[in-house]
Amino acid sequence: MRTDVRFPTNGLQLAGHLYLPEDSDGPLAAIVIGHQTTGVKEQSPAVYATRLVEEGFAVLTFDAAFQGESEGMPRGLEDPFQRAEDFRAAVSYLTTHPEIDPDRIGVMGVCGSGA
């Protein structure tokens, strides 16, 4: 199941997709996945998310600041310091959900997000 979500980072709103397994017992381990340079959450992060949800993980994908549906000007800007803040904000956002175990949240960066 995929839900559209929004969460704040440095005064901007980031757009994301929260994927949850259909059947789950208790709080879930979660993984935040960042997209490739100048990419969006619907590209490779969605492919990884689908597979990880099948294994029982909750997954949050998001458009980095200045990218996709997230806020920020100029559009398309790649700022590695802001990207790190975006990941921090994504993890913080997940800790607010009762279906997520806040002690079991990991991150995964694809391409530029891995830097």
PDB file of N, CA and C in Angstrom:
ATOM      1  N   MET A   1       0.839  -1.163   0.000  1.00  0.00           N
ATOM      2  CA  MET A   1       0.000   0.000   0.000  1.00  0.00           C
ATOM      3  C   MET A   1       0.896   1.243   0.000  1.00  0.00           C
ATOM      4  N   ARG A   2       0.621   2.193  -0.885  1.00  0.00           N
ATOM      5  CA  ARG A   2       1.413   3.423  -0.997  1.00  0.00           C
ATOM      6  C   ARG A   2       0.550   4.630  -0.655  1.00  0.00           C
ATOM      7  N   THR A   3       1.099   5.516   0.181  1.00  0.00           N
ATOM      8  CA  THR A   3       0.417   6.738   0.578  1.00  0.00           C
ATOM      9  C   THR A   3       1.298   7.928   0.252  1.00  0.00           C
ATOM     10  N   ASP A   4       0.704   8.990  -0.280  1.00  0.00           N
ATOM     11  CA  ASP A   4       1.427  10.240  -0.502  1.00  0.00           C
ATOM     12  C   ASP A   4       1.597  10.944   0.828  1.00  0.00           C
ATOM     13  N   VAL A   5       2.810  11.440   1.099  1.00  0.00           N
ATOM     14  CA  VAL A   5       3.093  12.139   2.349  1.00  0.00           C
ATOM     15  C   VAL A   5       3.893  13.400   2.062  1.00  0.00           C
ATOM     16  N   ARG A   6       3.909  14.294   3.023  1.00  0.00           N
ATOM     17  CA  ARG A   6       4.735  15.500   2.982  1.00  0.00           C
ATOM     18  C   ARG A   6       5.344  15.694   4.363  1.00  0.00           C
ATOM     19  N   PHE A   7       6.582  16.198   4.385  1.00  0.00           N
ATOM     20  CA  PHE A   7       7.251  16.463   5.655  1.00  0.00           C
ATOM     21  C   PHE A   7       8.248  17.599   5.465  1.00  0.00           C
ATOM     22  N   PRO A   8       8.568  18.315   6.554  1.00  0.00           N
ATOM     23  CA  PRO A   8       9.410  19.519   6.446  1.00  0.00           C
ATOM     24  C   PRO A   8      10.905  19.232   6.533  1.00  0.00           C
ATOM     25  N   THR A   9      11.656  20.093   5.858  1.00  0.00           N
ATOM     26  CA  THR A   9      13.112  20.132   5.978  1.00  0.00           C
ATOM     27  C   THR A   9      13.575  21.554   5.686  1.00  0.00           C
ATOM     28  N   ASN A  10      14.271  22.164   6.608  1.00  0.00           N
ATOM     29  CA  ASN A  10      14.836  23.509   6.423  1.00  0.00           C
ATOM     30  C   ASN A  10      13.841  24.503   5.812  1.00  0.00           C
ATOM     31  N   GLY A  11      12.621  24.506   6.286  1.00  0.00           N
ATOM     32  CA  GLY A  11      11.621  25.461   5.804  1.00  0.00           C
ATOM     33  C   GLY A  11      10.948  25.086   4.501  1.00  0.00           C
ATOM     34  N   LEU A  12      11.275  23.927   3.943  1.00  0.00           N
ATOM     35  CA  LEU A  12      10.657  23.444   2.707  1.00  0.00           C
ATOM     36  C   LEU A  12       9.829  22.200   3.009  1.00  0.00           C
ATOM     37  N   GLN A  13       8.851  21.928   2.169  1.00  0.00           N
ATOM     38  CA  GLN A  13       8.064  20.707   2.275  1.00  0.00           C
ATOM     39  C   GLN A  13       8.560  19.711   1.222  1.00  0.00           C
ATOM     40  N   LEU A  14       8.896  18.502   1.684  1.00  0.00           N
ATOM     41  CA  LEU A  14       9.300  17.437   0.770  1.00  0.00           C
ATOM     42  C   LEU A  14       8.106  16.540   0.488  1.00  0.00           C
ATOM     43  N   ALA A  15       8.018  16.062  -0.736  1.00  0.00           N
ATOM     44  CA  ALA A  15       6.966  15.130  -1.150  1.00  0.00           C
ATOM     45  C   ALA A  15       7.532  13.721  -1.114  1.00  0.00           C
ATOM     46  N   GLY A  16       6.758  12.795  -0.576  1.00  0.00           N
ATOM     47  CA  GLY A  16       7.221  11.421  -0.492  1.00  0.00           C
ATOM     48  C   GLY A  16       6.114  10.418  -0.698  1.00  0.00           C
ATOM     49  N   HIS A  17       6.514   9.165  -0.780  1.00  0.00           N
ATOM     50  CA  HIS A  17       5.593   8.033  -0.805  1.00  0.00           C
ATOM     51  C   HIS A  17       5.979   7.112   0.341  1.00  0.00           C
ATOM     52  N   LEU A  18       5.004   6.785   1.175  1.00  0.00           N
ATOM     53  CA  LEU A  18       5.213   5.825   2.249  1.00  0.00           C
ATOM     54  C   LEU A  18       4.570   4.512   1.836  1.00  0.00           C
ATOM     55  N   TYR A  19       5.394   3.477   1.756  1.00  0.00           N
ATOM     56  CA  TYR A  19       4.940   2.133   1.378  1.00  0.00           C
ATOM     57  C   TYR A  19       4.882   1.277   2.640  1.00  0.00           C
ATOM     58  N   LEU A  20       3.755   0.609   2.847  1.00  0.00           N
ATOM     59  CA  LEU A  20       3.605  -0.296   3.981  1.00  0.00           C
ATOM     60  C   LEU A  20       3.138  -1.656   3.482  1.00  0.00           C
ATOM     61  N   PRO A  21       3.624  -2.722   4.096  1.00  0.00           N
ATOM     62  CA  PRO A  21       3.135  -4.055   3.723  1.00  0.00           C
ATOM     63  C   PRO A  21       1.643  -4.169   4.038  1.00  0.00           C
ATOM     64  N   GLU A  22       0.940  -4.986   3.271  1.00  0.00           N
ATOM     65  CA  GLU A  22      -0.495  -5.189   3.478  1.00  0.00           C
ATOM     66  C   GLU A  22      -0.772  -5.770   4.856  1.00  0.00           C
ATOM     67  N   ASP A  23      -0.037  -6.791   5.236  1.00  0.00           N
ATOM     68  CA  ASP A  23      -0.234  -7.445   6.526  1.00  0.00           C
ATOM     69  C   ASP A  23       1.028  -7.299   7.351  1.00  0.00           C
ATOM     70  N   SER A  24       0.870  -6.742   8.550  1.00  0.00           N
ATOM     71  CA  SER A  24       2.039  -6.630   9.423  1.00  0.00           C
ATOM     72  C   SER A  24       1.594  -6.719  10.870  1.00  0.00           C
ATOM     73  N   ASP A  25       2.456  -7.271  11.693  1.00  0.00           N
ATOM     74  CA  ASP A  25       2.216  -7.366  13.130  1.00  0.00           C
ATOM     75  C   ASP A  25       3.239  -6.508  13.852  1.00  0.00           C
ATOM     76  N   GLY A  26       2.764  -5.561  14.624  1.00  0.00           N
ATOM     77  CA  GLY A  26       3.664  -4.742  15.416  1.00  0.00           C
ATOM     78  C   GLY A  26       4.413  -3.711  14.602  1.00  0.00           C
ATOM     79  N   PRO A  27       5.222  -2.903  15.257  1.00  0.00           N
ATOM     80  CA  PRO A  27       6.002  -1.878  14.558  1.00  0.00           C
ATOM     81  C   PRO A  27       6.975  -2.494  13.550  1.00  0.00           C
ATOM     82  N   LEU A  28       7.118  -1.826  12.423  1.00  0.00           N
ATOM     83  CA  LEU A  28       7.936  -2.322  11.316  1.00  0.00           C
ATOM     84  C   LEU A  28       9.316  -1.682  11.274  1.00  0.00           C
ATOM     85  N   ALA A  29      10.288  -2.431  10.807  1.00  0.00           N
ATOM     86  CA  ALA A  29      11.572  -1.848  10.418  1.00  0.00           C
ATOM     87  C   ALA A  29      11.315  -1.040   9.145  1.00  0.00           C
ATOM     88  N   ALA A  30      12.005   0.062   8.992  1.00  0.00           N
ATOM     89  CA  ALA A  30      11.765   0.943   7.846  1.00  0.00           C
ATOM     90  C   ALA A  30      13.071   1.321   7.165  1.00  0.00           C
ATOM     91  N   ILE A  31      12.955   1.646   5.888  1.00  0.00           N
ATOM     92  CA  ILE A  31      14.097   2.082   5.084  1.00  0.00           C
ATOM     93  C   ILE A  31      13.690   3.341   4.330  1.00  0.00           C
ATOM     94  N   VAL A  32      14.530   4.364   4.415  1.00  0.00           N
ATOM     95  CA  VAL A  32      14.358   5.588   3.633  1.00  0.00           C
ATOM     96  C   VAL A  32      15.229   5.438   2.390  1.00  0.00           C
ATOM     97  N   ILE A  33      14.649   5.691   1.214  1.00  0.00           N
ATOM     98  CA  ILE A  33      15.415   5.575  -0.032  1.00  0.00           C
ATOM     99  C   ILE A  33      15.429   6.918  -0.751  1.00  0.00           C
ATOM    100  N   GLY A  34      16.636   7.402  -1.039  1.00  0.00           N
ATOM    101  CA  GLY A  34      16.805   8.636  -1.805  1.00  0.00           C
ATOM    102  C   GLY A  34      17.097   8.323  -3.262  1.00  0.00           C
ATOM    103  N   HIS A  35      16.678   9.220  -4.129  1.00  0.00           N
ATOM    104  CA  HIS A  35      16.803   9.014  -5.578  1.00  0.00           C
ATOM    105  C   HIS A  35      18.151   9.459  -6.132  1.00  0.00           C
ATOM    106  N   GLN A  36      18.370   9.096  -7.362  1.00  0.00           N
ATOM    107  CA  GLN A  36      19.592   9.442  -8.072  1.00  0.00           C
ATOM    108  C   GLN A  36      19.657  10.946  -8.359  1.00  0.00           C
ATOM    109  N   THR A  37      20.820  11.429  -8.749  1.00  0.00           N
ATOM    110  CA  THR A  37      21.012  12.833  -9.078  1.00  0.00           C
ATOM    111  C   THR A  37      19.984  13.254 -10.118  1.00  0.00           C
ATOM    112  N   THR A  38      19.330  14.367  -9.859  1.00  0.00           N
ATOM    113  CA  THR A  38      18.264  14.953 -10.680  1.00  0.00           C
ATOM    114  C   THR A  38      17.121  13.975 -10.967  1.00  0.00           C
ATOM    115  N   GLY A  39      16.951  12.995 -10.130  1.00  0.00           N
ATOM    116  CA  GLY A  39      15.870  12.025 -10.310  1.00  0.00           C
ATOM    117  C   GLY A  39      14.666  12.376  -9.464  1.00  0.00           C
ATOM    118  N   VAL A  40      13.736  11.425  -9.388  1.00  0.00           N
ATOM    119  CA  VAL A  40      12.537  11.569  -8.564  1.00  0.00           C
ATOM    120  C   VAL A  40      12.190  10.232  -7.922  1.00  0.00           C
ATOM    121  N   LYS A  41      11.328  10.279  -6.944  1.00  0.00           N
ATOM    122  CA  LYS A  41      10.951   9.109  -6.148  1.00  0.00           C
ATOM    123  C   LYS A  41      10.268   8.020  -6.964  1.00  0.00           C
ATOM    124  N   GLU A  42       9.656   8.370  -8.068  1.00  0.00           N
ATOM    125  CA  GLU A  42       8.946   7.380  -8.884  1.00  0.00           C
ATOM    126  C   GLU A  42       9.882   6.541  -9.758  1.00  0.00           C
ATOM    127  N   GLN A  43      11.154   6.879  -9.793  1.00  0.00           N
ATOM    128  CA  GLN A  43      12.097   6.130 -10.619  1.00  0.00           C
ATOM    129  C   GLN A  43      12.666   4.957  -9.814  1.00  0.00           C
ATOM    130  N   SER A  44      13.962   4.790  -9.755  1.00  0.00           N
ATOM    131  CA  SER A  44      14.547   3.614  -9.114  1.00  0.00           C
ATOM    132  C   SER A  44      14.142   3.426  -7.645  1.00  0.00           C
ATOM    133  N   PRO A  45      13.934   4.488  -6.850  1.00  0.00           N
ATOM    134  CA  PRO A  45      13.497   4.224  -5.470  1.00  0.00           C
ATOM    135  C   PRO A  45      12.187   3.433  -5.396  1.00  0.00           C
ATOM    136  N   ALA A  46      11.281   3.668  -6.320  1.00  0.00           N
ATOM    137  CA  ALA A  46      10.006   2.934  -6.315  1.00  0.00           C
ATOM    138  C   ALA A  46      10.225   1.453  -6.592  1.00  0.00           C
ATOM    139  N   VAL A  47      11.192   1.131  -7.439  1.00  0.00           N
ATOM    140  CA  VAL A  47      11.492  -0.278  -7.737  1.00  0.00           C
ATOM    141  C   VAL A  47      12.025  -0.972  -6.486  1.00  0.00           C
ATOM    142  N   TYR A  48      12.984  -0.329  -5.805  1.00  0.00           N
ATOM    143  CA  TYR A  48      13.527  -0.887  -4.569  1.00  0.00           C
ATOM    144  C   TYR A  48      12.435  -0.990  -3.505  1.00  0.00           C
ATOM    145  N   ALA A  49      11.606   0.030  -3.396  1.00  0.00           N
ATOM    146  CA  ALA A  49      10.551   0.042  -2.381  1.00  0.00           C
ATOM    147  C   ALA A  49       9.607  -1.136  -2.550  1.00  0.00           C
ATOM    148  N   THR A  50       9.197  -1.399  -3.765  1.00  0.00           N
ATOM    149  CA  THR A  50       8.275  -2.502  -4.026  1.00  0.00           C
ATOM    150  C   THR A  50       8.852  -3.817  -3.541  1.00  0.00           C
ATOM    151  N   ARG A  51      10.112  -4.052  -3.811  1.00  0.00           N
ATOM    152  CA  ARG A  51      10.763  -5.306  -3.406  1.00  0.00           C
ATOM    153  C   ARG A  51      10.938  -5.385  -1.888  1.00  0.00           C
ATOM    154  N   LEU A  52      11.332  -4.274  -1.273  1.00  0.00           N
ATOM    155  CA  LEU A  52      11.545  -4.274   0.172  1.00  0.00           C
ATOM    156  C   LEU A  52      10.239  -4.434   0.943  1.00  0.00           C
ATOM    157  N   VAL A  53       9.150  -3.879   0.433  1.00  0.00           N
ATOM    158  CA  VAL A  53       7.846  -4.054   1.075  1.00  0.00           C
ATOM    159  C   VAL A  53       7.428  -5.519   1.030  1.00  0.00           C
ATOM    160  N   GLU A  54       7.751  -6.202  -0.062  1.00  0.00           N
ATOM    161  CA  GLU A  54       7.453  -7.640  -0.154  1.00  0.00           C
ATOM    162  C   GLU A  54       8.174  -8.429   0.943  1.00  0.00           C
ATOM    163  N   GLU A  55       9.310  -7.908   1.404  1.00  0.00           N
ATOM    164  CA  GLU A  55      10.087  -8.566   2.462  1.00  0.00           C
ATOM    165  C   GLU A  55       9.652  -8.121   3.864  1.00  0.00           C
ATOM    166  N   GLY A  56       8.628  -7.264   3.935  1.00  0.00           N
ATOM    167  CA  GLY A  56       8.075  -6.869   5.221  1.00  0.00           C
ATOM    168  C   GLY A  56       8.540  -5.544   5.783  1.00  0.00           C
ATOM    169  N   PHE A  57       9.307  -4.774   5.014  1.00  0.00           N
ATOM    170  CA  PHE A  57       9.772  -3.465   5.470  1.00  0.00           C
ATOM    171  C   PHE A  57       8.763  -2.381   5.110  1.00  0.00           C
ATOM    172  N   ALA A  58       8.718  -1.338   5.925  1.00  0.00           N
ATOM    173  CA  ALA A  58       8.086  -0.082   5.524  1.00  0.00           C
ATOM    174  C   ALA A  58       9.155   0.693   4.769  1.00  0.00           C
ATOM    175  N   VAL A  59       8.752   1.443   3.752  1.00  0.00           N
ATOM    176  CA  VAL A  59       9.724   2.195   2.954  1.00  0.00           C
ATOM    177  C   VAL A  59       9.199   3.601   2.701  1.00  0.00           C
ATOM    178  N   LEU A  60      10.079   4.585   2.874  1.00  0.00           N
ATOM    179  CA  LEU A  60       9.764   5.969   2.535  1.00  0.00           C
ATOM    180  C   LEU A  60      10.688   6.410   1.408  1.00  0.00           C
ATOM    181  N   THR A  61      10.101   6.777   0.274  1.00  0.00           N
ATOM    182  CA  THR A  61      10.859   7.396  -0.810  1.00  0.00           C
ATOM    183  C   THR A  61      10.451   8.869  -0.837  1.00  0.00           C
ATOM    184  N   PHE A  62      11.337   9.727  -1.321  1.00  0.00           N
ATOM    185  CA  PHE A  62      11.001  11.154  -1.340  1.00  0.00           C
ATOM    186  C   PHE A  62      11.741  11.854  -2.467  1.00  0.00           C
ATOM    187  N   ASP A  63      11.162  12.969  -2.911  1.00  0.00           N
ATOM    188  CA  ASP A  63      11.849  13.857  -3.842  1.00  0.00           C
ATOM    189  C   ASP A  63      12.695  14.805  -3.005  1.00  0.00           C
ATOM    190  N   ALA A  64      13.971  14.886  -3.295  1.00  0.00           N
ATOM    191  CA  ALA A  64      14.855  15.796  -2.568  1.00  0.00           C
ATOM    192  C   ALA A  64      14.393  17.236  -2.782  1.00  0.00           C
ATOM    193  N   ALA A  65      14.801  18.117  -1.882  1.00  0.00           N
ATOM    194  CA  ALA A  65      14.517  19.537  -2.053  1.00  0.00           C
ATOM    195  C   ALA A  65      14.987  19.983  -3.435  1.00  0.00           C
ATOM    196  N   PHE A  66      14.210  20.822  -4.062  1.00  0.00           N
ATOM    197  CA  PHE A  66      14.474  21.378  -5.392  1.00  0.00           C
ATOM    198  C   PHE A  66      14.167  20.405  -6.529  1.00  0.00           C
ATOM    199  N   GLN A  67      13.694  19.205  -6.207  1.00  0.00           N
ATOM    200  CA  GLN A  67      13.454  18.160  -7.208  1.00  0.00           C
ATOM    201  C   GLN A  67      11.986  17.741  -7.202  1.00  0.00           C
ATOM    202  N   GLY A  68      11.508  17.225  -8.316  1.00  0.00           N
ATOM    203  CA  GLY A  68      10.182  16.616  -8.402  1.00  0.00           C
ATOM    204  C   GLY A  68       9.076  17.456  -7.805  1.00  0.00           C
ATOM    205  N   GLU A  69       8.279  16.825  -6.912  1.00  0.00           N
ATOM    206  CA  GLU A  69       7.138  17.496  -6.279  1.00  0.00           C
ATOM    207  C   GLU A  69       7.510  18.237  -4.999  1.00  0.00           C
ATOM    208  N   SER A  70       8.770  18.178  -4.582  1.00  0.00           N
ATOM    209  CA  SER A  70       9.195  18.878  -3.375  1.00  0.00           C
ATOM    210  C   SER A  70       9.433  20.355  -3.667  1.00  0.00           C
ATOM    211  N   GLU A  71       9.394  21.155  -2.605  1.00  0.00           N
ATOM    212  CA  GLU A  71       9.603  22.589  -2.750  1.00  0.00           C
ATOM    213  C   GLU A  71      11.088  22.921  -2.877  1.00  0.00           C
ATOM    214  N   GLY A  72      11.347  24.148  -3.322  1.00  0.00           N
ATOM    215  CA  GLY A  72      12.703  24.668  -3.384  1.00  0.00           C
ATOM    216  C   GLY A  72      13.030  25.279  -4.725  1.00  0.00           C
ATOM    217  N   MET A  73      13.709  26.414  -4.663  1.00  0.00           N
ATOM    218  CA  MET A  73      14.155  27.113  -5.862  1.00  0.00           C
ATOM    219  C   MET A  73      15.653  27.357  -5.719  1.00  0.00           C
ATOM    220  N   PRO A  74      16.418  27.291  -6.806  1.00  0.00           N
ATOM    221  CA  PRO A  74      15.984  27.015  -8.183  1.00  0.00           C
ATOM    222  C   PRO A  74      15.696  25.526  -8.380  1.00  0.00           C
ATOM    223  N   ARG A  75      14.791  25.225  -9.262  1.00  0.00           N
ATOM    224  CA  ARG A  75      14.419  23.853  -9.559  1.00  0.00           C
ATOM    225  C   ARG A  75      15.623  23.102 -10.116  1.00  0.00           C
ATOM    226  N   GLY A  76      15.752  21.855  -9.735  1.00  0.00           N
ATOM    227  CA  GLY A  76      16.827  21.009 -10.252  1.00  0.00           C
ATOM    228  C   GLY A  76      18.159  21.170  -9.545  1.00  0.00           C
ATOM    229  N   LEU A  77      18.236  22.035  -8.538  1.00  0.00           N
ATOM    230  CA  LEU A  77      19.498  22.241  -7.821  1.00  0.00           C
ATOM    231  C   LEU A  77      19.893  20.971  -7.084  1.00  0.00           C
ATOM    232  N   GLU A  78      21.144  20.591  -7.194  1.00  0.00           N
ATOM    233  CA  GLU A  78      21.706  19.470  -6.429  1.00  0.00           C
ATOM    234  C   GLU A  78      22.584  20.058  -5.340  1.00  0.00           C
ATOM    235  N   ASP A  79      22.145  19.936  -4.093  1.00  0.00           N
ATOM    236  CA  ASP A  79      22.871  20.469  -2.944  1.00  0.00           C
ATOM    237  C   ASP A  79      23.126  19.312  -1.976  1.00  0.00           C
ATOM    238  N   PRO A  80      24.362  18.796  -1.910  1.00  0.00           N
ATOM    239  CA  PRO A  80      24.624  17.628  -1.066  1.00  0.00           C
ATOM    240  C   PRO A  80      24.370  17.878   0.417  1.00  0.00           C
ATOM    241  N   PHE A  81      24.564  19.095   0.884  1.00  0.00           N
ATOM    242  CA  PHE A  81      24.300  19.401   2.288  1.00  0.00           C
ATOM    243  C   PHE A  81      22.803  19.369   2.567  1.00  0.00           C
ATOM    244  N   GLN A  82      22.021  19.911   1.640  1.00  0.00           N
ATOM    245  CA  GLN A  82      20.570  19.857   1.788  1.00  0.00           C
ATOM    246  C   GLN A  82      20.080  18.415   1.671  1.00  0.00           C
ATOM    247  N   ARG A  83      20.681  17.624   0.794  1.00  0.00           N
ATOM    248  CA  ARG A  83      20.269  16.226   0.635  1.00  0.00           C
ATOM    249  C   ARG A  83      20.461  15.462   1.942  1.00  0.00           C
ATOM    250  N   ALA A  84      21.563  15.728   2.639  1.00  0.00           N
ATOM    251  CA  ALA A  84      21.785  15.089   3.938  1.00  0.00           C
ATOM    252  C   ALA A  84      20.699  15.511   4.923  1.00  0.00           C
ATOM    253  N   GLU A  85      20.313  16.780   4.910  1.00  0.00           N
ATOM    254  CA  GLU A  85      19.226  17.260   5.766  1.00  0.00           C
ATOM    255  C   GLU A  85      17.893  16.611   5.383  1.00  0.00           C
ATOM    256  N   ASP A  86      17.695  16.378   4.099  1.00  0.00           N
ATOM    257  CA  ASP A  86      16.466  15.721   3.641  1.00  0.00           C
ATOM    258  C   ASP A  86      16.368  14.309   4.223  1.00  0.00           C
ATOM    259  N   PHE A  87      17.471  13.584   4.232  1.00  0.00           N
ATOM    260  CA  PHE A  87      17.475  12.246   4.828  1.00  0.00           C
ATOM    261  C   PHE A  87      17.184  12.320   6.328  1.00  0.00           C
ATOM    262  N   ARG A  88      17.804  13.280   7.014  1.00  0.00           N
ATOM    263  CA  ARG A  88      17.561  13.451   8.446  1.00  0.00           C
ATOM    264  C   ARG A  88      16.076  13.712   8.700  1.00  0.00           C
ATOM    265  N   ALA A  89      15.486  14.593   7.885  1.00  0.00           N
ATOM    266  CA  ALA A  89      14.069  14.917   8.032  1.00  0.00           C
ATOM    267  C   ALA A  89      13.185  13.703   7.741  1.00  0.00           C
ATOM    268  N   ALA A  90      13.563  12.892   6.767  1.00  0.00           N
ATOM    269  CA  ALA A  90      12.785  11.698   6.434  1.00  0.00           C
ATOM    270  C   ALA A  90      12.791  10.701   7.586  1.00  0.00           C
ATOM    271  N   VAL A  91      13.964  10.497   8.191  1.00  0.00           N
ATOM    272  CA  VAL A  91      14.044   9.589   9.341  1.00  0.00           C
ATOM    273  C   VAL A  91      13.216  10.149  10.499  1.00  0.00           C
ATOM    274  N   SER A  92      13.330  11.434  10.758  1.00  0.00           N
ATOM    275  CA  SER A  92      12.541  12.056  11.832  1.00  0.00           C
ATOM    276  C   SER A  92      11.050  11.888  11.575  1.00  0.00           C
ATOM    277  N   TYR A  93      10.647  12.075  10.329  1.00  0.00           N
ATOM    278  CA  TYR A  93       9.233  11.905   9.970  1.00  0.00           C
ATOM    279  C   TYR A  93       8.761  10.491  10.288  1.00  0.00           C
ATOM    280  N   LEU A  94       9.553   9.491   9.951  1.00  0.00           N
ATOM    281  CA  LEU A  94       9.152   8.103  10.202  1.00  0.00           C
ATOM    282  C   LEU A  94       9.001   7.808  11.693  1.00  0.00           C
ATOM    283  N   THR A  95       9.787   8.463  12.526  1.00  0.00           N
ATOM    284  CA  THR A  95       9.691   8.189  13.965  1.00  0.00           C
ATOM    285  C   THR A  95       8.355   8.631  14.550  1.00  0.00           C
ATOM    286  N   THR A  96       7.584   9.415  13.808  1.00  0.00           N
ATOM    287  CA  THR A  96       6.287   9.891  14.304  1.00  0.00           C
ATOM    288  C   THR A  96       5.154   8.924  14.012  1.00  0.00           C
ATOM    289  N   HIS A  97       5.398   7.872  13.261  1.00  0.00           N
ATOM    290  CA  HIS A  97       4.349   6.928  12.863  1.00  0.00           C
ATOM    291  C   HIS A  97       4.319   5.719  13.788  1.00  0.00           C
ATOM    292  N   PRO A  98       3.143   5.390  14.344  1.00  0.00           N
ATOM    293  CA  PRO A  98       3.061   4.258  15.263  1.00  0.00           C
ATOM    294  C   PRO A  98       3.368   2.917  14.609  1.00  0.00           C
ATOM    295  N   GLU A  99       3.223   2.812  13.288  1.00  0.00           N
ATOM    296  CA  GLU A  99       3.498   1.528  12.636  1.00  0.00           C
ATOM    297  C   GLU A  99       4.983   1.305  12.357  1.00  0.00           C
ATOM    298  N   ILE A 100       5.812   2.313  12.684  1.00  0.00           N
ATOM    299  CA  ILE A 100       7.259   2.228  12.451  1.00  0.00           C
ATOM    300  C   ILE A 100       7.992   2.098  13.791  1.00  0.00           C
ATOM    301  N   ASP A 101       8.954   1.179  13.851  1.00  0.00           N
ATOM    302  CA  ASP A 101       9.819   1.034  15.023  1.00  0.00           C
ATOM    303  C   ASP A 101      10.945   2.076  14.896  1.00  0.00           C
ATOM    304  N   PRO A 102      10.966   3.098  15.744  1.00  0.00           N
ATOM    305  CA  PRO A 102      11.966   4.160  15.598  1.00  0.00           C
ATOM    306  C   PRO A 102      13.404   3.701  15.815  1.00  0.00           C
ATOM    307  N   ASP A 103      13.584   2.523  16.400  1.00  0.00           N
ATOM    308  CA  ASP A 103      14.930   1.995  16.612  1.00  0.00           C
ATOM    309  C   ASP A 103      15.413   1.135  15.455  1.00  0.00           C
ATOM    310  N   ARG A 104      14.563   0.976  14.435  1.00  0.00           N
ATOM    311  CA  ARG A 104      14.946   0.143  13.288  1.00  0.00           C
ATOM    312  C   ARG A 104      14.636   0.880  11.983  1.00  0.00           C
ATOM    313  N   ILE A 105      15.315   2.007  11.786  1.00  0.00           N
ATOM    314  CA  ILE A 105      15.173   2.794  10.561  1.00  0.00           C
ATOM    315  C   ILE A 105      16.550   2.901   9.914  1.00  0.00           C
ATOM    316  N   GLY A 106      16.630   2.504   8.658  1.00  0.00           N
ATOM    317  CA  GLY A 106      17.873   2.603   7.899  1.00  0.00           C
ATOM    318  C   GLY A 106      17.681   3.507   6.694  1.00  0.00           C
ATOM    319  N   VAL A 107      18.772   3.835   6.033  1.00  0.00           N
ATOM    320  CA  VAL A 107      18.710   4.670   4.835  1.00  0.00           C
ATOM    321  C   VAL A 107      19.485   4.015   3.703  1.00  0.00           C
ATOM    322  N   MET A 108      19.041   4.307   2.498  1.00  0.00           N
ATOM    323  CA  MET A 108      19.680   3.796   1.299  1.00  0.00           C
ATOM    324  C   MET A 108      19.675   4.896   0.249  1.00  0.00           C
ATOM    325  N   GLY A 109      20.822   5.197  -0.309  1.00  0.00           N
ATOM    326  CA  GLY A 109      20.899   6.220  -1.353  1.00  0.00           C
ATOM    327  C   GLY A 109      21.249   5.584  -2.681  1.00  0.00           C
ATOM    328  N   VAL A 110      20.497   5.949  -3.702  1.00  0.00           N
ATOM    329  CA  VAL A 110      20.760   5.493  -5.064  1.00  0.00           C
ATOM    330  C   VAL A 110      21.568   6.574  -5.768  1.00  0.00           C
ATOM    331  N   CYS A 111      22.685   6.212  -6.361  1.00  0.00           N
ATOM    332  CA  CYS A 111      23.515   7.126  -7.139  1.00  0.00           C
ATOM    333  C   CYS A 111      23.911   8.339  -6.298  1.00  0.00           C
ATOM    334  N   GLY A 112      23.489   9.535  -6.672  1.00  0.00           N
ATOM    335  CA  GLY A 112      23.870  10.764  -5.974  1.00  0.00           C
ATOM    336  C   GLY A 112      23.431  10.795  -4.518  1.00  0.00           C
ATOM    337  N   SER A 113      22.327  10.145  -4.194  1.00  0.00           N
ATOM    338  CA  SER A 113      21.889  10.100  -2.793  1.00  0.00           C
ATOM    339  C   SER A 113      22.811   9.228  -1.952  1.00  0.00           C
ATOM    340  N   GLY A 114      23.522   8.325  -2.593  1.00  0.00           N
ATOM    341  CA  GLY A 114      24.465   7.482  -1.877  1.00  0.00           C
ATOM    342  C   GLY A 114      25.725   8.221  -1.466  1.00  0.00           C
ATOM    343  N   ALA A 115      25.971   9.329  -2.123  1.00  0.00           N
ATOM    344  CA  ALA A 115      27.150  10.124  -1.786  1.00  0.00           C
ATOM    345  C   ALA A 115      26.955  10.784  -0.450  1.00  0.00           C
TER     346      ALA A 115
END
